[in-house]
Amino acid sequence: MSDLLNLPVTTLDGQPTTLGALTAGRAALVVNVASRCGLTPQYGQLEALQQEYADRGFTVLGVPCNQFAGQEPGTAEEISTFCSATYGVTFPMTEKVEVNGDGAAPLYQQLTEVPDASGEAGPVTWNFEKFLLAADGTVLGRFRPRTEPSAPEVRAAIEAALPR
């Protein structure tokens, strides 16, 4: 089991837990999200992936972040209401965190060490950067913000990551 699964996280409703408890032995697509971003419509595609693959051992994990142009300014309640009312989000979400810099959440301190398909690691570049984790917490892929959740390469990676 990966160290990532033991990392502490707090749910959007304030409950302390671990990444492993939130993903519950499933492959997971961890995404830093924001409600007021040009990429916010990706929520719809993320929810579609959740609906399509949940029964096969997969979950999306939304991680609100306000570090990019202040595009996630709301409270936990406002974020939750926006996500459910606008996009019908059913996947788990964490509290709002920082993904870059000295205040980065422990999860993102480790995730940002993982390179993308071009071999580039380092800071999250914008809202909706995606990290695919195997059920054991191994990071299998990193997809930059403009790569849509429904992109063939994301879907193929999810299919390959599903527990057999």
Protein backbone atom coordinates (compact mmCIF):
# COMPACT_ATOMS: atom_id res chain seq x y z
CA MET A 1 0.00 0.00 0.00
CA SER A 2 1.29 3.44 -0.90
CA ASP A 3 2.13 6.06 1.71
CA LEU A 4 -0.35 8.32 -0.07
CA LEU A 5 -3.26 6.30 1.26
CA ASN A 6 -2.21 7.03 4.85
CA LEU A 7 -2.09 10.80 4.36
CA PRO A 8 -4.57 12.78 6.42
CA VAL A 9 -7.29 14.66 4.58
CA THR A 10 -10.44 16.38 5.74
CA THR A 11 -13.73 16.03 3.91
CA LEU A 12 -15.63 19.04 2.63
CA ASP A 13 -17.99 18.72 5.60
CA GLY A 14 -15.07 18.88 8.06
CA GLN A 15 -14.53 15.21 8.92
CA PRO A 16 -10.89 14.14 9.38
CA THR A 17 -9.98 10.96 7.50
CA THR A 18 -7.26 9.56 5.22
CA LEU A 19 -6.95 9.39 1.47
CA GLY A 20 -7.28 5.60 1.70
CA ALA A 21 -10.54 5.82 3.63
CA LEU A 22 -11.97 8.24 1.05
CA THR A 23 -10.98 6.11 -1.92
CA ALA A 24 -11.87 2.81 -0.19
CA GLY A 25 -9.73 0.46 -2.27
CA ARG A 26 -10.73 2.06 -5.56
CA ALA A 27 -8.73 3.58 -8.36
CA ALA A 28 -9.11 7.34 -8.01
CA LEU A 29 -8.82 10.45 -10.12
CA VAL A 30 -7.71 13.24 -7.76
CA VAL A 31 -8.56 16.66 -9.19
CA ASN A 32 -8.02 20.17 -7.81
CA VAL A 33 -11.31 21.89 -8.58
CA ALA A 34 -12.72 25.42 -8.63
CA SER A 35 -16.22 26.81 -9.09
CA ARG A 36 -15.40 30.01 -10.98
CA CYS A 37 -12.91 28.83 -13.59
CA GLY A 38 -13.22 28.57 -17.34
CA LEU A 39 -12.55 24.85 -16.85
CA THR A 40 -15.34 24.42 -14.27
CA PRO A 41 -17.58 22.61 -16.81
CA GLN A 42 -15.15 19.69 -16.40
CA TYR A 43 -17.20 18.92 -13.27
CA GLY A 44 -19.84 17.48 -15.59
CA GLN A 45 -17.34 15.12 -17.22
CA LEU A 46 -15.90 14.15 -13.82
CA GLU A 47 -19.39 13.25 -12.59
CA ALA A 48 -19.99 11.25 -15.79
CA LEU A 49 -16.81 9.24 -15.09
CA GLN A 50 -17.96 8.71 -11.51
CA GLN A 51 -21.32 7.37 -12.70
CA GLU A 52 -19.80 5.17 -15.39
CA TYR A 53 -17.00 3.58 -13.38
CA ALA A 54 -18.09 3.68 -9.70
CA ASP A 55 -19.49 0.14 -9.81
CA ARG A 56 -16.20 -1.08 -11.27
CA GLY A 57 -13.94 0.17 -8.46
CA PHE A 58 -13.30 3.82 -9.31
CA THR A 59 -13.95 7.21 -7.76
CA VAL A 60 -13.23 10.82 -8.50
CA LEU A 61 -11.93 12.86 -5.56
CA GLY A 62 -12.47 16.61 -5.84
CA VAL A 63 -10.03 18.86 -4.00
CA PRO A 64 -11.16 22.50 -3.95
CA CYS A 65 -8.36 25.04 -4.25
CA ASN A 66 -8.39 28.84 -4.31
CA GLN A 67 -4.74 29.36 -5.35
CA PHE A 68 -5.40 30.13 -8.99
CA ALA A 69 -6.81 33.65 -9.48
CA GLY A 70 -9.12 33.22 -6.46
CA GLN A 71 -11.48 31.01 -8.46
CA GLU A 72 -12.72 28.98 -5.47
CA PRO A 73 -13.58 31.69 -2.92
CA GLY A 74 -16.62 30.02 -1.34
CA THR A 75 -17.14 28.34 1.99
CA ALA A 76 -17.41 24.57 2.23
CA GLU A 77 -21.20 24.87 2.24
CA GLU A 78 -21.19 27.13 -0.83
CA ILE A 79 -18.87 24.76 -2.69
CA SER A 80 -21.03 21.77 -1.82
CA THR A 81 -24.23 23.52 -2.87
CA PHE A 82 -22.71 24.72 -6.15
CA CYS A 83 -21.37 21.26 -7.04
CA SER A 84 -24.57 19.38 -6.27
CA ALA A 85 -26.99 21.96 -7.71
CA THR A 86 -25.01 22.79 -10.86
CA TYR A 87 -23.35 19.49 -11.76
CA GLY A 88 -25.06 16.84 -9.62
CA VAL A 89 -21.72 15.90 -8.07
CA THR A 90 -21.85 12.67 -6.06
CA PHE A 91 -18.11 11.97 -5.73
CA PRO A 92 -16.28 12.75 -2.47
CA MET A 93 -14.66 16.12 -1.95
CA THR A 94 -12.07 17.34 0.51
CA GLU A 95 -11.85 20.64 2.28
CA LYS A 96 -10.32 23.53 0.36
CA VAL A 97 -6.52 23.23 0.37
CA GLU A 98 -3.42 24.69 -1.20
CA VAL A 99 -1.82 22.50 -3.86
CA ASN A 100 1.43 24.46 -4.37
CA GLY A 101 4.00 26.24 -2.25
CA ASP A 102 5.01 26.04 1.39
CA GLY A 103 1.39 25.60 2.49
CA ALA A 104 0.62 22.75 0.09
CA ALA A 105 -1.40 19.89 1.55
CA PRO A 106 0.70 16.76 2.22
CA LEU A 107 -1.18 14.95 -0.56
CA TYR A 108 -0.10 17.54 -3.12
CA GLN A 109 3.44 17.73 -1.76
CA GLN A 110 3.75 14.13 -2.95
CA LEU A 111 1.57 14.27 -6.07
CA THR A 112 3.51 17.17 -7.59
CA GLU A 113 6.65 15.00 -7.62
CA VAL A 114 4.99 12.85 -10.29
CA PRO A 115 5.73 13.74 -13.93
CA ASP A 116 3.11 14.10 -16.63
CA ALA A 117 3.25 12.30 -20.02
CA SER A 118 5.97 14.69 -21.24
CA GLY A 119 8.13 13.91 -18.19
CA GLU A 120 7.48 17.20 -16.40
CA ALA A 121 6.89 17.14 -12.64
CA GLY A 122 6.51 20.14 -10.37
CA PRO A 123 3.75 22.48 -9.29
CA VAL A 124 0.13 22.14 -10.32
CA THR A 125 -0.28 24.54 -13.23
CA TRP A 126 -3.97 25.49 -12.83
CA ASN A 127 -7.38 24.28 -11.68
CA PHE A 128 -8.48 20.81 -12.81
CA GLU A 129 -5.08 19.11 -12.92
CA LYS A 130 -5.71 15.36 -12.58
CA PHE A 131 -3.74 12.56 -10.92
CA LEU A 132 -4.78 8.94 -11.45
CA LEU A 133 -4.11 6.59 -8.54
CA ALA A 134 -4.32 2.81 -8.49
CA ALA A 135 -6.34 1.20 -5.71
CA ASP A 136 -3.08 0.66 -3.78
CA GLY A 137 -2.25 4.38 -3.97
CA THR A 138 0.37 4.15 -6.70
CA VAL A 139 0.26 7.23 -8.92
CA LEU A 140 -0.33 5.98 -12.46
CA GLY A 141 -0.69 9.22 -14.38
CA ARG A 142 -0.87 12.98 -14.36
CA PHE A 143 -3.04 14.95 -16.73
CA ARG A 144 -2.75 18.71 -17.09
CA PRO A 145 -5.78 21.00 -16.67
CA ARG A 146 -6.73 21.34 -20.33
CA THR A 147 -6.84 17.56 -20.77
CA GLU A 148 -10.53 16.92 -20.35
CA PRO A 149 -11.69 14.08 -18.09
CA SER A 150 -13.41 12.45 -21.08
CA ALA A 151 -10.23 12.52 -23.21
CA PRO A 152 -9.32 9.11 -24.70
CA GLU A 153 -6.01 8.99 -22.83
CA VAL A 154 -7.71 9.63 -19.48
CA ARG A 155 -10.42 7.05 -20.12
CA ALA A 156 -7.84 4.46 -21.26
CA ALA A 157 -5.77 5.06 -18.13
CA ILE A 158 -8.85 4.69 -15.90
CA GLU A 159 -9.85 1.47 -17.66
CA ALA A 160 -6.33 0.08 -17.11
CA ALA A 161 -6.40 1.11 -13.43
CA LEU A 162 -9.71 -0.53 -12.54
CA PRO A 163 -9.36 -3.40 -10.09
CA ARG A 164 -9.62 -6.74 -11.84
